[in-house]
Amino acid sequence: MRTDDPDILQLCTQLAQALKARGWMMATAESCTGGLIAACCTSLSGSSDWFERGFVTYSNAAKTEQLGVPATLVEAHGAVSEPVARAMALGAVAHSKAQISVAVTGVAGPTGGSADKPVGLVWFGWAVGEQAWTECRRFDGDRDAVRAATVRHGLQGLLAGLEVS
């Protein structure tokens, strides 16, 4: 996936404008995208005005250590789950100076899928302060396509969250 994709850059530009208008900062908590959302956001000059930090929490231990996701939650539901995505989003806000966050955890493939959690399944979490919402999506394509679709949807969710807050 390229950080200079015109559609993604447009989403990042809209996000930057909306965050700056509110005087807000954002944070990311990424697993399956490995920091791609943060990379796309920070590809814009001046992003330090609205991008506070990114957490790349690929391992379960990192989710617990960096974001405060309870290990028992991961054990009970698995890393790719609604409760973990919600906890990641809330943890990103709690462990940063950001007012809004996006979290992603999924199976980008081509390996790692199962009947319950197939390749392309991604859980999203977004948080504004202590309020969080989640969504599950399944994307088609290879690893790059799944990760690119995840970046787009994560950014779109941030924009939607800003519109209602």
Protein backbone atom coordinates (compact mmCIF):
# COMPACT_ATOMS: atom_id res chain seq x y z
CA MET A 1 0.00 0.00 0.00
CA ARG A 2 1.26 3.46 -0.85
CA THR A 3 0.94 6.41 1.52
CA ASP A 4 0.51 8.72 -1.47
CA ASP A 5 -2.76 7.13 -2.68
CA PRO A 6 -4.90 10.12 -3.80
CA ASP A 7 -8.09 8.86 -2.12
CA ILE A 8 -6.31 8.28 1.17
CA LEU A 9 -4.52 11.62 0.99
CA GLN A 10 -7.88 13.32 0.44
CA LEU A 11 -9.28 11.59 3.55
CA CYS A 12 -6.20 12.62 5.54
CA THR A 13 -6.55 16.22 4.35
CA GLN A 14 -10.22 16.31 5.37
CA LEU A 15 -9.33 14.77 8.71
CA ALA A 16 -6.55 17.31 9.26
CA GLN A 17 -8.93 20.20 8.57
CA ALA A 18 -11.61 18.83 10.90
CA LEU A 19 -9.17 18.16 13.73
CA LYS A 20 -7.45 21.54 13.43
CA ALA A 21 -10.83 23.30 13.40
CA ARG A 22 -11.56 21.72 16.81
CA GLY A 23 -8.03 22.07 18.15
CA TRP A 24 -7.95 18.27 18.60
CA MET A 25 -5.26 15.66 18.24
CA MET A 26 -5.67 12.05 17.12
CA ALA A 27 -3.95 8.77 17.90
CA THR A 28 -3.90 5.40 16.20
CA ALA A 29 -3.75 1.90 17.68
CA GLU A 30 -2.87 -0.48 14.88
CA SER A 31 -2.36 -4.19 14.67
CA CYS A 32 -3.08 -5.61 11.19
CA THR A 33 -2.06 -2.40 9.42
CA GLY A 34 1.29 -2.18 11.20
CA GLY A 35 1.28 1.62 11.37
CA LEU A 36 -0.05 2.37 7.89
CA ILE A 37 -2.80 4.68 9.17
CA ALA A 38 -0.22 6.70 11.08
CA ALA A 39 2.11 6.70 8.05
CA CYS A 40 -0.64 8.03 5.79
CA CYS A 41 -1.60 10.75 8.25
CA THR A 42 1.97 11.85 8.82
CA SER A 43 2.72 11.91 5.09
CA LEU A 44 1.02 15.32 5.15
CA SER A 45 3.23 18.26 5.96
CA GLY A 46 2.16 19.91 9.22
CA SER A 47 0.60 16.74 10.61
CA SER A 48 2.20 17.42 14.00
CA ASP A 49 -0.56 20.03 14.45
CA TRP A 50 -3.20 17.28 14.67
CA PHE A 51 -1.51 13.85 14.85
CA GLU A 52 -0.39 13.07 18.41
CA ARG A 53 0.96 9.50 18.21
CA GLY A 54 0.57 6.03 16.79
CA PHE A 55 0.74 2.74 18.66
CA VAL A 56 1.72 -0.30 16.61
CA THR A 57 0.55 -3.12 18.85
CA TYR A 58 0.99 -6.17 16.68
CA SER A 59 1.46 -8.63 19.52
CA ASN A 60 -1.03 -9.36 22.27
CA ALA A 61 1.56 -8.31 24.85
CA ALA A 62 1.95 -4.92 23.14
CA LYS A 63 -1.81 -4.37 23.27
CA THR A 64 -1.67 -4.94 27.02
CA GLU A 65 1.56 -3.09 27.76
CA GLN A 66 1.05 -0.02 25.55
CA LEU A 67 -2.74 0.40 25.52
CA GLY A 68 -3.83 -1.23 28.75
CA VAL A 69 -5.96 -3.88 27.04
CA PRO A 70 -6.57 -6.50 29.74
CA ALA A 71 -4.79 -9.76 28.91
CA THR A 72 -7.90 -11.61 30.12
CA LEU A 73 -9.94 -9.81 27.43
CA VAL A 74 -7.57 -10.98 24.71
CA GLU A 75 -7.55 -14.51 26.15
CA ALA A 76 -11.36 -14.66 26.32
CA HIS A 77 -12.17 -13.15 22.91
CA GLY A 78 -8.97 -13.25 20.86
CA ALA A 79 -7.05 -10.25 19.53
CA VAL A 80 -9.41 -9.94 16.54
CA SER A 81 -12.62 -9.13 18.38
CA GLU A 82 -15.03 -6.36 19.25
CA PRO A 83 -14.01 -6.05 22.91
CA VAL A 84 -10.32 -5.81 22.02
CA ALA A 85 -10.91 -3.22 19.27
CA ARG A 86 -12.96 -1.13 21.73
CA ALA A 87 -10.30 -1.43 24.44
CA MET A 88 -7.55 -0.51 21.97
CA ALA A 89 -9.39 2.65 20.88
CA LEU A 90 -10.07 3.71 24.46
CA GLY A 91 -6.50 2.86 25.44
CA ALA A 92 -5.08 5.01 22.65
CA VAL A 93 -6.93 8.05 24.00
CA ALA A 94 -6.13 7.22 27.63
CA HIS A 95 -2.40 6.74 26.92
CA SER A 96 -1.96 9.88 24.82
CA LYS A 97 -2.92 13.52 24.66
CA ALA A 98 -5.36 12.82 21.81
CA GLN A 99 -9.09 13.45 21.98
CA ILE A 100 -9.99 10.92 19.25
CA SER A 101 -8.53 7.60 18.13
CA VAL A 102 -8.91 4.76 15.69
CA ALA A 103 -7.96 1.14 16.42
CA VAL A 104 -7.75 -1.77 14.00
CA THR A 105 -7.23 -5.47 14.62
CA GLY A 106 -7.79 -8.10 11.98
CA VAL A 107 -6.57 -10.88 9.73
CA ALA A 108 -4.82 -9.37 6.71
CA GLY A 109 -3.74 -12.78 5.34
CA PRO A 110 -2.91 -14.68 3.39
CA THR A 111 -2.37 -16.92 6.43
CA GLY A 112 -3.87 -16.77 9.90
CA GLY A 113 -7.54 -17.03 9.02
CA SER A 114 -10.02 -19.48 10.50
CA ALA A 115 -13.67 -20.37 10.03
CA ASP A 116 -14.64 -17.90 12.77
CA LYS A 117 -12.12 -15.22 11.75
CA PRO A 118 -11.44 -15.50 8.02
CA VAL A 119 -8.80 -13.59 6.10
CA GLY A 120 -10.06 -10.05 5.48
CA LEU A 121 -11.98 -9.77 8.77
CA VAL A 122 -11.16 -6.54 10.59
CA TRP A 123 -12.56 -5.08 13.79
CA PHE A 124 -12.47 -1.29 14.05
CA GLY A 125 -12.73 0.78 17.19
CA TRP A 126 -13.01 4.54 17.43
CA ALA A 127 -13.06 6.61 20.59
CA VAL A 128 -13.77 10.21 21.49
CA GLY A 129 -12.79 10.70 25.11
CA GLU A 130 -14.41 7.86 27.04
CA GLN A 131 -17.04 7.10 24.36
CA ALA A 132 -16.23 4.30 21.92
CA TRP A 133 -17.93 2.58 19.02
CA THR A 134 -16.93 -0.43 16.94
CA GLU A 135 -17.61 -2.05 13.62
CA CYS A 136 -16.62 -5.30 11.93
CA ARG A 137 -15.90 -5.45 8.20
CA ARG A 138 -14.65 -8.11 5.82
CA PHE A 139 -12.52 -7.01 2.90
CA ASP A 140 -11.66 -9.03 -0.20
CA GLY A 141 -8.30 -9.26 -1.89
CA ASP A 142 -4.71 -9.94 -1.00
CA ARG A 143 -2.85 -8.66 2.07
CA ASP A 144 -2.17 -5.25 0.52
CA ALA A 145 -5.80 -4.82 -0.53
CA VAL A 146 -7.11 -5.74 2.93
CA ARG A 147 -4.68 -3.34 4.62
CA ALA A 148 -5.47 -0.50 2.18
CA ALA A 149 -9.22 -0.98 2.67
CA THR A 150 -8.67 -1.00 6.43
CA VAL A 151 -6.78 2.31 6.29
CA ARG A 152 -9.55 3.91 4.19
CA HIS A 153 -12.34 2.68 6.43
CA GLY A 154 -10.50 3.67 9.60
CA LEU A 155 -10.02 7.22 8.32
CA GLN A 156 -13.64 7.43 7.16
CA GLY A 157 -14.76 6.35 10.64
CA LEU A 158 -12.67 9.09 12.23
CA LEU A 159 -14.29 11.68 9.97
CA ALA A 160 -17.75 10.34 10.80
CA GLY A 161 -16.93 10.47 14.51
CA LEU A 162 -15.84 14.08 14.21
CA GLU A 163 -19.10 15.01 12.49
CA VAL A 164 -21.21 13.81 15.41
CA SER A 165 -19.02 15.03 18.25
